[in-house]
C-alpha atoms as a PDB file:
ATOM      1  CA  MET A   1      89.485  98.463  50.612  1.00  0.00           C
ATOM      2  CA  LYS A   2      92.290 100.875  51.266  1.00  0.00           C
ATOM      3  CA  LYS A   3      95.231 100.590  48.857  1.00  0.00           C
ATOM      4  CA  ARG A   4      98.873 101.348  49.576  1.00  0.00           C
ATOM      5  CA  SER A   5     100.983 101.121  46.420  1.00  0.00           C
ATOM      6  CA  LEU A   6      99.932  97.758  44.904  1.00  0.00           C
ATOM      7  CA  LEU A   7      99.141  96.151  48.253  1.00  0.00           C
ATOM      8  CA  ALA A   8      95.815  96.262  50.032  1.00  0.00           C
ATOM      9  CA  VAL A   9      95.250  96.171  53.797  1.00  0.00           C
ATOM     10  CA  LEU A  10      91.872  95.471  55.323  1.00  0.00           C
ATOM     11  CA  VAL A  11      91.558  96.091  59.053  1.00  0.00           C
ATOM     12  CA  LEU A  12      88.460  94.900  60.858  1.00  0.00           C
ATOM     13  CA  PRO A  13      86.683  97.494  63.047  1.00  0.00           C
ATOM     14  CA  LEU A  14      87.601  95.963  66.392  1.00  0.00           C
ATOM     15  CA  MET A  15      88.160  99.167  68.361  1.00  0.00           C
ATOM     16  CA  VAL A  16      86.301 101.433  70.694  1.00  0.00           C
ATOM     17  CA  MET A  17      84.763 104.461  68.951  1.00  0.00           C
ATOM     18  CA  GLY A  18      87.174 107.397  68.976  1.00  0.00           C
ATOM     19  CA  GLU A  19      90.248 105.362  69.986  1.00  0.00           C
ATOM     20  CA  GLU A  20      93.196 104.395  67.787  1.00  0.00           C
ATOM     21  CA  LYS A  21      93.234 100.843  66.514  1.00  0.00           C
ATOM     22  CA  PRO A  22      95.489  98.676  68.689  1.00  0.00           C
ATOM     23  CA  LEU A  23      96.707  96.770  65.602  1.00  0.00           C
ATOM     24  CA  GLN A  24      97.785  98.813  62.568  1.00  0.00           C
ATOM     25  CA  LEU A  25      99.211  97.065  59.487  1.00  0.00           C
ATOM     26  CA  ARG A  26     101.428  98.407  56.738  1.00  0.00           C
ATOM     27  CA  CYS A  27     102.544  96.352  53.731  1.00  0.00           C
ATOM     28  CA  ILE A  28     105.972  97.054  52.257  1.00  0.00           C
ATOM     29  CA  PRO A  29     106.467  95.442  48.834  1.00  0.00           C
ATOM     30  CA  PRO A  30     109.836  94.815  47.162  1.00  0.00           C
ATOM     31  CA  ALA A  31     110.885  97.189  44.424  1.00  0.00           C
ATOM     32  CA  ASN A  32     109.034  97.037  41.120  1.00  0.00           C
ATOM     33  CA  LEU A  33     111.519  95.950  38.441  1.00  0.00           C
ATOM     34  CA  VAL A  34     109.398  97.172  35.515  1.00  0.00           C
ATOM     35  CA  ARG A  35     110.887 100.268  33.901  1.00  0.00           C
ATOM     36  CA  ASN A  36     108.557 103.161  33.106  1.00  0.00           C
ATOM     37  CA  ALA A  37     105.682 101.339  34.798  1.00  0.00           C
ATOM     38  CA  ASP A  38     103.555 104.492  34.870  1.00  0.00           C
ATOM     39  CA  PHE A  39     104.026 105.073  31.107  1.00  0.00           C
ATOM     40  CA  LYS A  40     104.860 108.726  31.750  1.00  0.00           C
ATOM     41  CA  LYS A  41     108.101 108.664  29.759  1.00  0.00           C
ATOM     42  CA  THR A  42     107.501 108.662  26.001  1.00  0.00           C
ATOM     43  CA  ASP A  43     109.674 108.917  22.911  1.00  0.00           C
ATOM     44  CA  SER A  44     109.313 111.405  20.053  1.00  0.00           C
ATOM     45  CA  ARG A  45     106.484 109.317  18.572  1.00  0.00           C
ATOM     46  CA  GLY A  46     104.534 109.174  21.836  1.00  0.00           C
ATOM     47  CA  ARG A  47     105.397 105.525  22.546  1.00  0.00           C
ATOM     48  CA  PRO A  48     106.303 104.392  26.101  1.00  0.00           C
ATOM     49  CA  GLU A  49     110.054 104.356  26.664  1.00  0.00           C
ATOM     50  CA  GLY A  50     111.507 100.966  27.623  1.00  0.00           C
ATOM     51  CA  TRP A  51     108.753  99.084  25.776  1.00  0.00           C
ATOM     52  CA  ARG A  52     108.435  97.838  22.184  1.00  0.00           C
ATOM     53  CA  PHE A  53     105.392  96.551  20.321  1.00  0.00           C
ATOM     54  CA  ASP A  54     105.241  92.942  19.047  1.00  0.00           C
ATOM     55  CA  ASN A  55     102.565  92.819  16.346  1.00  0.00           C
ATOM     56  CA  CYS A  56     101.982  89.065  16.324  1.00  0.00           C
ATOM     57  CA  SER A  57      99.046  89.302  13.878  1.00  0.00           C
ATOM     58  CA  ARG A  58     100.904  91.678  11.556  1.00  0.00           C
ATOM     59  CA  SER A  59      97.795  93.839  11.684  1.00  0.00           C
ATOM     60  CA  PRO A  60      97.910  97.472  10.519  1.00  0.00           C
ATOM     61  CA  LEU A  61      94.821  98.133  12.655  1.00  0.00           C
ATOM     62  CA  PHE A  62      96.624  98.116  16.011  1.00  0.00           C
ATOM     63  CA  SER A  63      97.007 101.562  17.551  1.00  0.00           C
ATOM     64  CA  SER A  64      98.213 102.551  21.015  1.00  0.00           C
ATOM     65  CA  ARG A  65      98.302 105.753  23.011  1.00  0.00           C
ATOM     66  CA  ILE A  66      99.136 106.934  26.512  1.00  0.00           C
ATOM     67  CA  VAL A  67      96.205 108.345  28.471  1.00  0.00           C
ATOM     68  CA  THR A  68      96.970 110.827  31.253  1.00  0.00           C
ATOM     69  CA  HIS A  69      94.357 111.049  34.009  1.00  0.00           C
ATOM     70  CA  PRO A  70      94.216 112.359  37.607  1.00  0.00           C
ATOM     71  CA  GLU A  71      94.249 108.682  38.683  1.00  0.00           C
ATOM     72  CA  GLY A  72      97.489 108.135  36.766  1.00  0.00           C
ATOM     73  CA  SER A  73      98.609 107.198  33.260  1.00  0.00           C
ATOM     74  CA  TRP A  74      97.694 104.074  31.347  1.00  0.00           C
ATOM     75  CA  LEU A  75      98.307 102.420  27.999  1.00  0.00           C
ATOM     76  CA  ALA A  76      95.273 102.124  25.698  1.00  0.00           C
ATOM     77  CA  VAL A  77      95.447  99.602  22.832  1.00  0.00           C
ATOM     78  CA  ASN A  78      92.890  99.528  19.991  1.00  0.00           C
ATOM     79  CA  THR A  79      92.481  96.405  17.888  1.00  0.00           C
ATOM     80  CA  ASP A  80      90.343  94.671  15.292  1.00  0.00           C
ATOM     81  CA  TRP A  81      88.553  91.341  15.876  1.00  0.00           C
ATOM     82  CA  GLN A  82      90.650  88.305  16.941  1.00  0.00           C
ATOM     83  CA  LYS A  83      94.042  89.998  16.754  1.00  0.00           C
ATOM     84  CA  PHE A  84      97.157  89.383  18.864  1.00  0.00           C
ATOM     85  CA  GLY A  85      99.753  91.987  19.786  1.00  0.00           C
ATOM     86  CA  TYR A  86     101.753  92.995  22.876  1.00  0.00           C
ATOM     87  CA  TRP A  87     103.908  95.706  24.378  1.00  0.00           C
ATOM     88  CA  LEU A  88     107.092  93.957  25.487  1.00  0.00           C
ATOM     89  CA  GLN A  89     109.815  94.630  28.050  1.00  0.00           C
ATOM     90  CA  SER A  90     112.805  92.402  28.879  1.00  0.00           C
ATOM     91  CA  ILE A  91     113.686  92.428  32.589  1.00  0.00           C
ATOM     92  CA  PRO A  92     116.701  90.835  34.334  1.00  0.00           C
ATOM     93  CA  VAL A  93     115.795  88.199  36.963  1.00  0.00           C
ATOM     94  CA  LYS A  94     117.692  85.968  39.403  1.00  0.00           C
ATOM     95  CA  GLU A  95     117.758  82.192  39.240  1.00  0.00           C
ATOM     96  CA  GLY A  96     115.971  80.342  42.045  1.00  0.00           C
ATOM     97  CA  VAL A  97     113.888  83.389  43.046  1.00  0.00           C
ATOM     98  CA  THR A  98     110.081  83.514  43.027  1.00  0.00           C
ATOM     99  CA  TYR A  99     108.576  86.625  41.433  1.00  0.00           C
ATOM    100  CA  TYR A 100     105.091  88.095  41.183  1.00  0.00           C
ATOM    101  CA  VAL A 101     104.135  89.494  37.788  1.00  0.00           C
ATOM    102  CA  SER A 102     100.862  91.349  37.232  1.00  0.00           C
ATOM    103  CA  VAL A 103      99.032  94.228  35.564  1.00  0.00           C
ATOM    104  CA  GLU A 104      95.725  96.050  35.997  1.00  0.00           C
ATOM    105  CA  VAL A 105      93.316  95.795  33.043  1.00  0.00           C
ATOM    106  CA  GLN A 106      90.083  97.167  31.615  1.00  0.00           C
ATOM    107  CA  SER A 107      88.456  96.213  28.326  1.00  0.00           C
ATOM    108  CA  ASP A 108      85.499  97.246  26.190  1.00  0.00           C
ATOM    109  CA  ALA A 109      85.593  94.063  24.074  1.00  0.00           C
ATOM    110  CA  PRO A 110      89.105  92.635  23.369  1.00  0.00           C
ATOM    111  CA  ALA A 111      90.700  90.043  25.646  1.00  0.00           C
ATOM    112  CA  PRO A 112      93.577  91.735  27.547  1.00  0.00           C
ATOM    113  CA  ALA A 113      96.455  89.464  28.457  1.00  0.00           C
ATOM    114  CA  LEU A 114      99.673  89.230  30.420  1.00  0.00           C
ATOM    115  CA  TRP A 115     102.129  86.985  28.591  1.00  0.00           C
ATOM    116  CA  VAL A 116     105.307  85.974  30.424  1.00  0.00           C
ATOM    117  CA  ARG A 117     108.262  84.151  28.921  1.00  0.00           C
ATOM    118  CA  CYS A 118     111.604  83.249  30.524  1.00  0.00           C
ATOM    119  CA  LYS A 119     114.244  82.070  28.090  1.00  0.00           C
ATOM    120  CA  ALA A 120     116.701  79.454  29.301  1.00  0.00           C
ATOM    121  CA  ASP A 121     120.299  79.126  28.126  1.00  0.00           C
ATOM    122  CA  LYS A 122     120.352  75.812  26.216  1.00  0.00           C
ATOM    123  CA  LYS A 123     124.091  75.434  26.802  1.00  0.00           C
ATOM    124  CA  THR A 124     124.066  75.850  30.604  1.00  0.00           C
ATOM    125  CA  SER A 125     125.915  73.031  32.410  1.00  0.00           C
ATOM    126  CA  GLY A 126     125.031  70.587  29.663  1.00  0.00           C
ATOM    127  CA  LYS A 127     121.566  70.183  31.186  1.00  0.00           C
ATOM    128  CA  LYS A 128     118.340  70.051  29.249  1.00  0.00           C
ATOM    129  CA  SER A 129     116.712  73.442  29.618  1.00  0.00           C
ATOM    130  CA  ARG A 130     113.324  74.710  28.545  1.00  0.00           C
ATOM    131  CA  ASP A 131     111.625  78.055  28.402  1.00  0.00           C
ATOM    132  CA  ILE A 132     108.949  79.049  30.908  1.00  0.00           C
ATOM    133  CA  GLU A 133     105.826  80.537  29.403  1.00  0.00           C
ATOM    134  CA  TYR A 134     102.485  81.676  30.846  1.00  0.00           C
ATOM    135  CA  ILE A 135      99.593  83.481  29.199  1.00  0.00           C
ATOM    136  CA  LEU A 136      97.088  85.029  31.605  1.00  0.00           C
ATOM    137  CA  SER A 137      94.081  86.255  29.671  1.00  0.00           C
ATOM    138  CA  ALA A 138      91.089  88.046  31.183  1.00  0.00           C
ATOM    139  CA  ARG A 139      88.109  86.751  29.196  1.00  0.00           C
ATOM    140  CA  LEU A 140      84.800  88.529  28.821  1.00  0.00           C
ATOM    141  CA  HIS A 141      82.853  85.771  30.574  1.00  0.00           C
ATOM    142  CA  HIS A 142      84.659  86.768  33.783  1.00  0.00           C
ATOM    143  CA  SER A 143      81.759  89.076  34.519  1.00  0.00           C
ATOM    144  CA  ASP A 144      80.069  90.317  37.670  1.00  0.00           C
ATOM    145  CA  GLU A 145      77.528  87.512  37.234  1.00  0.00           C
ATOM    146  CA  MET A 146      80.325  84.942  37.184  1.00  0.00           C
ATOM    147  CA  LYS A 147      81.798  86.551  40.292  1.00  0.00           C
ATOM    148  CA  GLU A 148      78.598  85.747  42.189  1.00  0.00           C
ATOM    149  CA  VAL A 149      78.986  82.091  41.200  1.00  0.00           C
ATOM    150  CA  LEU A 150      82.687  81.930  42.098  1.00  0.00           C
ATOM    151  CA  LYS A 151      82.098  83.434  45.572  1.00  0.00           C
ATOM    152  CA  ASP A 152      81.037  79.968  46.764  1.00  0.00           C
ATOM    153  CA  PHE A 153      84.455  78.555  45.882  1.00  0.00           C
ATOM    154  CA  ILE A 154      86.995  81.423  46.035  1.00  0.00           C
ATOM    155  CA  GLU A 155      87.652  84.153  48.589  1.00  0.00           C
ATOM    156  CA  GLU A 156      85.699  87.112  47.219  1.00  0.00           C
ATOM    157  CA  LYS A 157      88.599  89.541  47.729  1.00  0.00           C
ATOM    158  CA  LEU A 158      90.692  87.480  45.290  1.00  0.00           C
ATOM    159  CA  ILE A 159      88.142  87.134  42.467  1.00  0.00           C
ATOM    160  CA  ARG A 160      89.029  89.148  39.371  1.00  0.00           C
ATOM    161  CA  THR A 161      86.423  90.100  36.773  1.00  0.00           C
ATOM    162  CA  LEU A 162      86.789  91.909  33.462  1.00  0.00           C
ATOM    163  CA  SER A 163      85.146  95.307  33.215  1.00  0.00           C
ATOM    164  CA  PRO A 164      85.119  98.326  30.879  1.00  0.00           C
ATOM    165  CA  VAL A 165      85.071 100.736  33.837  1.00  0.00           C
ATOM    166  CA  THR A 166      86.709  98.996  36.825  1.00  0.00           C
ATOM    167  CA  TRP A 167      90.436  98.221  37.056  1.00  0.00           C
ATOM    168  CA  ASN A 168      91.152  94.585  37.957  1.00  0.00           C
ATOM    169  CA  ARG A 169      94.561  93.005  38.437  1.00  0.00           C
ATOM    170  CA  ILE A 170      95.616  89.763  36.765  1.00  0.00           C
ATOM    171  CA  GLY A 171      98.851  88.160  37.939  1.00  0.00           C
ATOM    172  CA  LYS A 172     100.819  85.057  38.812  1.00  0.00           C
ATOM    173  CA  GLU A 173     103.778  83.881  40.875  1.00  0.00           C
ATOM    174  CA  ILE A 174     106.655  82.521  38.804  1.00  0.00           C
ATOM    175  CA  LYS A 175     109.718  80.740  40.164  1.00  0.00           C
ATOM    176  CA  ILE A 176     112.840  81.104  38.056  1.00  0.00           C
ATOM    177  CA  PRO A 177     114.634  77.708  37.931  1.00  0.00           C
ATOM    178  CA  ALA A 178     118.112  77.479  39.413  1.00  0.00           C
ATOM    179  CA  ASN A 179     121.140  76.489  37.322  1.00  0.00           C
ATOM    180  CA  ARG A 180     119.357  76.755  33.990  1.00  0.00           C
ATOM    181  CA  GLY A 181     120.853  79.977  32.710  1.00  0.00           C
ATOM    182  CA  THR A 182     117.560  81.840  32.962  1.00  0.00           C
ATOM    183  CA  HIS A 183     118.453  85.479  33.542  1.00  0.00           C
ATOM    184  CA  THR A 184     115.783  87.401  31.612  1.00  0.00           C
ATOM    185  CA  LEU A 185     112.007  87.557  31.828  1.00  0.00           C
ATOM    186  CA  GLU A 186     110.032  88.918  28.890  1.00  0.00           C
ATOM    187  CA  MET A 187     106.857  90.668  30.061  1.00  0.00           C
ATOM    188  CA  ARG A 188     104.166  91.304  27.461  1.00  0.00           C
ATOM    189  CA  ILE A 189     100.920  93.185  28.038  1.00  0.00           C
ATOM    190  CA  GLY A 190      98.425  93.397  25.213  1.00  0.00           C
ATOM    191  CA  ILE A 191      95.634  91.756  23.229  1.00  0.00           C
ATOM    192  CA  PHE A 192      94.965  87.992  23.158  1.00  0.00           C
ATOM    193  CA  GLY A 193      92.069  87.786  20.718  1.00  0.00           C
ATOM    194  CA  GLY A 194      88.507  88.807  21.510  1.00  0.00           C
ATOM    195  CA  ASP A 195      86.330  91.347  19.732  1.00  0.00           C
ATOM    196  CA  ALA A 196      87.298  94.661  18.184  1.00  0.00           C
ATOM    197  CA  GLY A 197      87.634  97.605  20.535  1.00  0.00           C
ATOM    198  CA  GLN A 198      90.008  98.942  23.165  1.00  0.00           C
ATOM    199  CA  ALA A 199      91.791  97.367  26.145  1.00  0.00           C
ATOM    200  CA  ARG A 200      93.636  99.404  28.778  1.00  0.00           C
ATOM    201  CA  PHE A 201      96.621  98.576  30.977  1.00  0.00           C
ATOM    202  CA  ARG A 202      98.185 100.289  33.987  1.00  0.00           C
ATOM    203  CA  ASN A 203     100.605  99.631  36.865  1.00  0.00           C
ATOM    204  CA  PRO A 204     102.490  96.621  35.435  1.00  0.00           C
ATOM    205  CA  VAL A 205     104.521  94.950  38.176  1.00  0.00           C
ATOM    206  CA  LEU A 206     107.378  92.490  38.399  1.00  0.00           C
ATOM    207  CA  ARG A 207     108.745  92.102  41.904  1.00  0.00           C
ATOM    208  CA  GLU A 208     109.939  89.414  44.252  1.00  0.00           C
ATOM    209  CA  ALA A 209     106.908  87.590  45.656  1.00  0.00           C
ATOM    210  CA  GLY A 210     107.499  88.126  49.367  1.00  0.00           C
ATOM    211  CA  SER A 211     106.422  91.371  51.040  1.00  0.00           C
ATOM    212  CA  VAL A 212     107.124  92.730  54.513  1.00  0.00           C
ATOM    213  CA  LEU A 213     104.113  93.174  56.777  1.00  0.00           C
ATOM    214  CA  GLU A 214     104.813  95.798  59.432  1.00  0.00           C
ATOM    215  CA  ALA A 215     102.542  95.640  62.492  1.00  0.00           C
ATOM    216  CA  LYS A 216     102.262  98.579  64.885  1.00  0.00           C
ATOM    217  CA  ILE A 217     100.804  97.614  68.275  1.00  0.00           C
ATOM    218  CA  LEU A 218      99.374 100.322  70.518  1.00  0.00           C
ATOM    219  CA  GLY A 219      98.619  99.993  74.205  1.00  0.00           C
ATOM    220  CA  PRO A 220     100.060  97.856  77.003  1.00  0.00           C
ATOM    221  CA  GLY A 221      99.165  94.262  77.802  1.00  0.00           C
ATOM    222  CA  TRP A 222      99.690  92.708  74.372  1.00  0.00           C
ATOM    223  CA  THR A 223     101.759  89.513  74.502  1.00  0.00           C
ATOM    224  CA  LEU A 224     101.707  87.801  71.088  1.00  0.00           C
ATOM    225  CA  LEU A 225     101.171  88.507  67.386  1.00  0.00           C
ATOM    226  CA  LYS A 226     100.346  85.605  65.063  1.00  0.00           C
ATOM    227  CA  VAL A 227     100.234  85.906  61.271  1.00  0.00           C
ATOM    228  CA  ARG A 228      99.208  82.655  59.648  1.00  0.00           C
ATOM    229  CA  GLY A 229     101.443  81.729  56.726  1.00  0.00           C
ATOM    230  CA  ALA A 230     104.012  84.448  57.449  1.00  0.00           C
ATOM    231  CA  LYS A 231     107.667  84.022  58.419  1.00  0.00           C
ATOM    232  CA  PRO A 232     107.903  83.960  61.364  1.00  0.00           C
ATOM    233  CA  GLY A 233     104.330  82.946  62.077  1.00  0.00           C
ATOM    234  CA  ALA A 234     104.389  84.219  65.686  1.00  0.00           C
ATOM    235  CA  VAL A 235     106.191  87.099  67.403  1.00  0.00           C
ATOM    236  CA  LYS A 236     106.346  87.601  71.179  1.00  0.00           C
ATOM    237  CA  LEU A 237     105.548  91.103  72.417  1.00  0.00           C
ATOM    238  CA  ASP A 238     106.512  93.094  75.501  1.00  0.00           C
ATOM    239  CA  PRO A 239     103.294  93.657  77.510  1.00  0.00           C
ATOM    240  CA  ALA A 240     104.905  96.581  79.363  1.00  0.00           C
ATOM    241  CA  LYS A 241     105.299  98.695  76.222  1.00  0.00           C
ATOM    242  CA  THR A 242     102.601 101.132  75.146  1.00  0.00           C
ATOM    243  CA  GLU A 243     103.802 101.110  71.536  1.00  0.00           C
ATOM    244  CA  GLN A 244     105.858  98.571  69.592  1.00  0.00           C
ATOM    245  CA  THR A 245     106.443  97.683  65.954  1.00  0.00           C
ATOM    246  CA  VAL A 246     107.325  94.242  64.589  1.00  0.00           C
ATOM    247  CA  SER A 247     107.727  92.869  61.065  1.00  0.00           C
ATOM    248  CA  VAL A 248     107.132  89.536  59.363  1.00  0.00           C
ATOM    249  CA  VAL A 249     107.405  88.370  55.754  1.00  0.00           C
ATOM    250  CA  MET A 250     104.370  87.376  53.672  1.00  0.00           C
ATOM    251  CA  PRO A 251     106.086  84.952  51.254  1.00  0.00           C
ATOM    252  CA  ALA A 252     103.260  84.345  48.767  1.00  0.00           C
ATOM    253  CA  ALA A 253     101.658  86.950  46.509  1.00  0.00           C
ATOM    254  CA  ARG A 254      97.889  87.146  45.865  1.00  0.00           C
ATOM    255  CA  ARG A 255      97.341  85.643  49.302  1.00  0.00           C
ATOM    256  CA  ILE A 256      95.262  86.855  52.238  1.00  0.00           C
ATOM    257  CA  TYR A 257      97.098  86.770  55.577  1.00  0.00           C
ATOM    258  CA  THR A 258      95.265  86.900  58.901  1.00  0.00           C
ATOM    259  CA  ALA A 259      96.984  88.746  61.777  1.00  0.00           C
ATOM    260  CA  GLU A 260      95.858  87.982  65.348  1.00  0.00           C
ATOM    261  CA  LEU A 261      96.897  90.082  68.332  1.00  0.00           C
ATOM    262  CA  PHE A 262      96.611  88.443  71.767  1.00  0.00           C
ATOM    263  CA  GLY A 263      96.709  90.077  75.185  1.00  0.00           C
ATOM    264  CA  ALA A 264      95.934  89.600  78.848  1.00  0.00           C
ATOM    265  CA  ASN A 265      92.453  88.580  80.007  1.00  0.00           C
ATOM    266  CA  GLY A 266      91.666  86.930  76.687  1.00  0.00           C
ATOM    267  CA  LYS A 267      91.870  90.134  74.619  1.00  0.00           C
ATOM    268  CA  LYS A 268      92.145  89.524  70.875  1.00  0.00           C
ATOM    269  CA  VAL A 269      92.204  91.730  67.778  1.00  0.00           C
ATOM    270  CA  THR A 270      92.111  90.402  64.191  1.00  0.00           C
ATOM    271  CA  ALA A 271      93.087  92.051  60.895  1.00  0.00           C
ATOM    272  CA  GLU A 272      93.714  90.928  57.324  1.00  0.00           C
ATOM    273  CA  ALA A 273      96.337  91.858  54.749  1.00  0.00           C
ATOM    274  CA  ILE A 274      96.499  90.963  51.051  1.00  0.00           C
ATOM    275  CA  ASN A 275      99.947  90.566  49.521  1.00  0.00           C
ATOM    276  CA  GLU A 276      99.311  91.890  46.035  1.00  0.00           C
END
C-alpha cells in the first residue's frame, strides 16, 4: 500500500508492461486541525506544545516522552496496570459539519485509546443540549489471529489490529450537531486501562471527513469515469484528449472507493482509493 499523507491509494496493475497507467489517482485531504500533530515542538520540560496531560487515575507512575525517529516523531506513554490518563487538546469545530478524528497507535501491553468529547452550550436557543462523547480503545485481543477471523466479515484493508511493532490507525467520523452551541472538540490520546507498559501515538488527525480524489487520465478514447459513492459519482470525459484531470469528493472517511474508467471498444480500468 502506498501512502500519501494520511490517505492510501491502491491502484490495480491493469497496464501494459513499461507503459504509464491510464488511470492515476491522488487523494487530497482537508487540512489537519490538530496543532503540533508531529510532536516536534516541545516546552522547556520536554512536553508537546499545545497539549496538556489529564491524569484521570491520579497516578504518579505515568511518564511521557517524545521519541524522534527517521520515520517521524511520536509520543510514548508509560503506565502501571489498569490506569487511565490522556494527552488533551481542545480544537475549534463548526456546527453541522462531519469530521474524521483518528490517531496511529502501537502498544506493548496497555490499551491505547482515542477519547473524543464535544461540549454543548446548555443555554443555546433554550434547547436541550447534550455532550457528544466517544472512546475508541484498541484492545489487545485485536490481534493478527483475530484479523484472520474478521476477514470473512470486513474488508481486509479496513481491519485494524493492535501491535507492539506495527502502526495501526483507530478513528471515527463525528458529526457536530447544528444549533446546539457546540464549537469545541476535546481530543484525548492516551491510556484506557490494560496492563503495565508503554503505548505509542503518532499522527493525530482531526479534519473534515470529505477528501478530494483527483484522477489523471492518460491516452485518448476514454469517455467516462465512475467513482462509486463519490460526489459526483460519474464524470464525462473528452475522448479526443490525450491527458485530462478531473476531481470528485469522497464524502466518507475510512471508506474504500472504487474508480472505473471506461473507453471505446469496451476498454475498462479499475482502481481503488481509501479515504483515511
